[in-house]
Amino acid sequence: MDFATGEGPVYSGALIKGSITCDGAKYDVRLGTRYDIYIDGVRTPVKQFWSVRNPKKQANGDIKGTHNTTCHFEGWKKFGMELGINFDYQILALDNYYVRGSANITVY
């Protein structure tokens, strides 16, 4: 784990493209490429985009709030990071390294 970014080793080499504000919080926008992805048995480089809250929320008690993925998608576009034109999905990931806890997530 990269303790500077709070991310696992696969993501620690990602580029920080800039920052956006969504749902009242600032996020660093990151761009990385995964080389360990296989599509139909063929090793295929895959670009990945994600937003990392900065500063991170402190894990003292409940962390609550909403997360508007459209805000992130629009923010990524500002840095030339557009998703493909044929996508119909939404991803919400919760990572917690070296901590205990649980998550109760509702997607609307």
C-alpha atoms as a PDB file:
ATOM      1  CA  MET A   1       0.000   0.000   0.000  1.00  0.00           C
ATOM      2  CA  ASP A   2       1.129   3.527  -0.774  1.00  0.00           C
ATOM      3  CA  PHE A   3       0.577   5.409   2.473  1.00  0.00           C
ATOM      4  CA  ALA A   4       0.999   8.775   0.714  1.00  0.00           C
ATOM      5  CA  THR A   5      -2.032   8.163  -1.505  1.00  0.00           C
ATOM      6  CA  GLY A   6      -3.851   5.554   0.548  1.00  0.00           C
ATOM      7  CA  GLU A   7      -4.003   3.364  -2.537  1.00  0.00           C
ATOM      8  CA  GLY A   8      -2.750  -0.092  -3.357  1.00  0.00           C
ATOM      9  CA  PRO A   9       0.413  -0.630  -5.425  1.00  0.00           C
ATOM     10  CA  VAL A  10      -1.467  -1.076  -8.710  1.00  0.00           C
ATOM     11  CA  TYR A  11      -2.714   2.509  -8.503  1.00  0.00           C
ATOM     12  CA  SER A  12       0.161   4.357  -6.838  1.00  0.00           C
ATOM     13  CA  GLY A  13       1.793   5.186 -10.199  1.00  0.00           C
ATOM     14  CA  ALA A  14      -1.293   6.954 -11.551  1.00  0.00           C
ATOM     15  CA  LEU A  15      -1.130  10.525 -12.810  1.00  0.00           C
ATOM     16  CA  ILE A  16      -3.014  13.218 -10.929  1.00  0.00           C
ATOM     17  CA  LYS A  17      -4.712  15.196 -13.711  1.00  0.00           C
ATOM     18  CA  GLY A  18      -6.191  17.904 -11.474  1.00  0.00           C
ATOM     19  CA  SER A  19      -9.020  18.259  -9.011  1.00  0.00           C
ATOM     20  CA  ILE A  20     -12.802  18.572  -9.027  1.00  0.00           C
ATOM     21  CA  THR A  21     -15.420  19.380  -6.405  1.00  0.00           C
ATOM     22  CA  CYS A  22     -18.413  17.059  -6.081  1.00  0.00           C
ATOM     23  CA  ASP A  23     -21.000  16.877  -3.315  1.00  0.00           C
ATOM     24  CA  GLY A  24     -19.123  19.534  -1.340  1.00  0.00           C
ATOM     25  CA  ALA A  25     -15.804  17.658  -1.287  1.00  0.00           C
ATOM     26  CA  LYS A  26     -12.581  18.044  -3.286  1.00  0.00           C
ATOM     27  CA  TYR A  27     -11.264  15.044  -5.232  1.00  0.00           C
ATOM     28  CA  ASP A  28      -7.980  14.438  -7.046  1.00  0.00           C
ATOM     29  CA  VAL A  29      -8.683  13.095 -10.534  1.00  0.00           C
ATOM     30  CA  ARG A  30      -6.393  10.206 -11.452  1.00  0.00           C
ATOM     31  CA  LEU A  31      -5.545   8.428 -14.682  1.00  0.00           C
ATOM     32  CA  GLY A  32      -3.794   5.085 -14.781  1.00  0.00           C
ATOM     33  CA  THR A  33      -3.319   2.129 -17.089  1.00  0.00           C
ATOM     34  CA  ARG A  34      -3.713  -1.480 -16.019  1.00  0.00           C
ATOM     35  CA  TYR A  35      -1.635  -3.981 -17.971  1.00  0.00           C
ATOM     36  CA  ASP A  36      -2.841  -7.124 -16.190  1.00  0.00           C
ATOM     37  CA  ILE A  37      -6.292  -7.217 -17.795  1.00  0.00           C
ATOM     38  CA  TYR A  38      -7.257 -10.040 -20.154  1.00  0.00           C
ATOM     39  CA  ILE A  39     -10.189  -9.623 -22.545  1.00  0.00           C
ATOM     40  CA  ASP A  40     -11.169 -12.783 -24.435  1.00  0.00           C
ATOM     41  CA  GLY A  41      -7.813 -14.280 -23.401  1.00  0.00           C
ATOM     42  CA  VAL A  42      -5.758 -11.393 -24.828  1.00  0.00           C
ATOM     43  CA  ARG A  43      -3.679  -9.179 -22.538  1.00  0.00           C
ATOM     44  CA  THR A  44      -5.115  -5.706 -23.106  1.00  0.00           C
ATOM     45  CA  PRO A  45      -3.988  -2.375 -21.593  1.00  0.00           C
ATOM     46  CA  VAL A  46      -6.991  -0.670 -20.017  1.00  0.00           C
ATOM     47  CA  LYS A  47      -7.128   2.982 -18.978  1.00  0.00           C
ATOM     48  CA  GLN A  48      -8.773   3.645 -15.641  1.00  0.00           C
ATOM     49  CA  PHE A  49     -10.167   6.901 -14.304  1.00  0.00           C
ATOM     50  CA  TRP A  50     -11.067   7.562 -10.693  1.00  0.00           C
ATOM     51  CA  SER A  51     -11.459  10.274  -8.098  1.00  0.00           C
ATOM     52  CA  VAL A  52      -9.776  10.200  -4.689  1.00  0.00           C
ATOM     53  CA  ARG A  53     -11.139  12.394  -1.927  1.00  0.00           C
ATOM     54  CA  ASN A  54      -8.529  14.900  -0.745  1.00  0.00           C
ATOM     55  CA  PRO A  55      -8.317  15.358   2.146  1.00  0.00           C
ATOM     56  CA  LYS A  56      -9.649  11.962   3.102  1.00  0.00           C
ATOM     57  CA  LYS A  57     -12.444  11.738   5.644  1.00  0.00           C
ATOM     58  CA  GLN A  58     -11.331  10.684   9.075  1.00  0.00           C
ATOM     59  CA  ALA A  59     -12.681   7.273  10.010  1.00  0.00           C
ATOM     60  CA  ASN A  60     -13.804   8.263  13.509  1.00  0.00           C
ATOM     61  CA  GLY A  61     -17.373   7.048  13.518  1.00  0.00           C
ATOM     62  CA  ASP A  62     -19.893   6.990  10.705  1.00  0.00           C
ATOM     63  CA  ILE A  63     -19.072   8.481   7.342  1.00  0.00           C
ATOM     64  CA  LYS A  64     -22.292   9.437   5.593  1.00  0.00           C
ATOM     65  CA  GLY A  65     -23.245  11.326   2.469  1.00  0.00           C
ATOM     66  CA  THR A  66     -24.214  11.109  -1.154  1.00  0.00           C
ATOM     67  CA  HIS A  67     -22.044  10.460  -4.158  1.00  0.00           C
ATOM     68  CA  ASN A  68     -23.056  11.872  -7.545  1.00  0.00           C
ATOM     69  CA  THR A  69     -21.218   9.898 -10.230  1.00  0.00           C
ATOM     70  CA  THR A  70     -22.367  12.278 -12.978  1.00  0.00           C
ATOM     71  CA  CYS A  71     -20.345  15.040 -11.318  1.00  0.00           C
ATOM     72  CA  HIS A  72     -17.232  12.852 -11.518  1.00  0.00           C
ATOM     73  CA  PHE A  73     -17.876  11.832 -15.142  1.00  0.00           C
ATOM     74  CA  GLU A  74     -18.290  15.508 -16.125  1.00  0.00           C
ATOM     75  CA  GLY A  75     -15.175  16.436 -14.148  1.00  0.00           C
ATOM     76  CA  TRP A  76     -13.112  13.769 -15.889  1.00  0.00           C
ATOM     77  CA  LYS A  77     -14.180  15.173 -19.282  1.00  0.00           C
ATOM     78  CA  LYS A  78     -12.552  18.496 -18.364  1.00  0.00           C
ATOM     79  CA  PHE A  79      -9.228  16.665 -18.323  1.00  0.00           C
ATOM     80  CA  GLY A  80      -9.863  14.849 -21.621  1.00  0.00           C
ATOM     81  CA  MET A  81     -10.793  11.621 -19.852  1.00  0.00           C
ATOM     82  CA  GLU A  82     -14.057  10.634 -21.511  1.00  0.00           C
ATOM     83  CA  LEU A  83     -15.742   7.307 -21.106  1.00  0.00           C
ATOM     84  CA  GLY A  84     -16.668   5.405 -24.241  1.00  0.00           C
ATOM     85  CA  ILE A  85     -19.883   6.394 -25.976  1.00  0.00           C
ATOM     86  CA  ASN A  86     -21.511   3.012 -25.379  1.00  0.00           C
ATOM     87  CA  PHE A  87     -21.567   2.525 -21.674  1.00  0.00           C
ATOM     88  CA  ASP A  88     -24.434   1.737 -19.358  1.00  0.00           C
ATOM     89  CA  TYR A  89     -22.995   1.168 -15.928  1.00  0.00           C
ATOM     90  CA  GLN A  90     -22.255   2.742 -12.610  1.00  0.00           C
ATOM     91  CA  ILE A  91     -19.486   1.652 -10.277  1.00  0.00           C
ATOM     92  CA  LEU A  92     -19.175   2.470  -6.614  1.00  0.00           C
ATOM     93  CA  ALA A  93     -16.107   1.129  -4.852  1.00  0.00           C
ATOM     94  CA  LEU A  94     -15.297   1.302  -1.185  1.00  0.00           C
ATOM     95  CA  ASP A  95     -11.724   0.528  -0.178  1.00  0.00           C
ATOM     96  CA  ASN A  96     -10.558   0.227   3.386  1.00  0.00           C
ATOM     97  CA  TYR A  97      -7.001  -0.804   4.086  1.00  0.00           C
ATOM     98  CA  TYR A  98      -5.974  -1.984   7.542  1.00  0.00           C
ATOM     99  CA  VAL A  99      -9.248  -0.932   9.185  1.00  0.00           C
ATOM    100  CA  ARG A 100     -12.393  -2.631  10.386  1.00  0.00           C
ATOM    101  CA  GLY A 101     -15.903  -1.610   9.594  1.00  0.00           C
ATOM    102  CA  SER A 102     -18.851  -2.113   7.344  1.00  0.00           C
ATOM    103  CA  ALA A 103     -20.733  -0.239   4.662  1.00  0.00           C
ATOM    104  CA  ASN A 104     -24.411   0.236   4.025  1.00  0.00           C
ATOM    105  CA  ILE A 105     -24.747   1.558   0.461  1.00  0.00           C
ATOM    106  CA  THR A 106     -27.906   2.411  -1.460  1.00  0.00           C
ATOM    107  CA  VAL A 107     -27.683   3.126  -5.202  1.00  0.00           C
ATOM    108  CA  TYR A 108     -30.512   5.156  -6.742  1.00  0.00           C
END
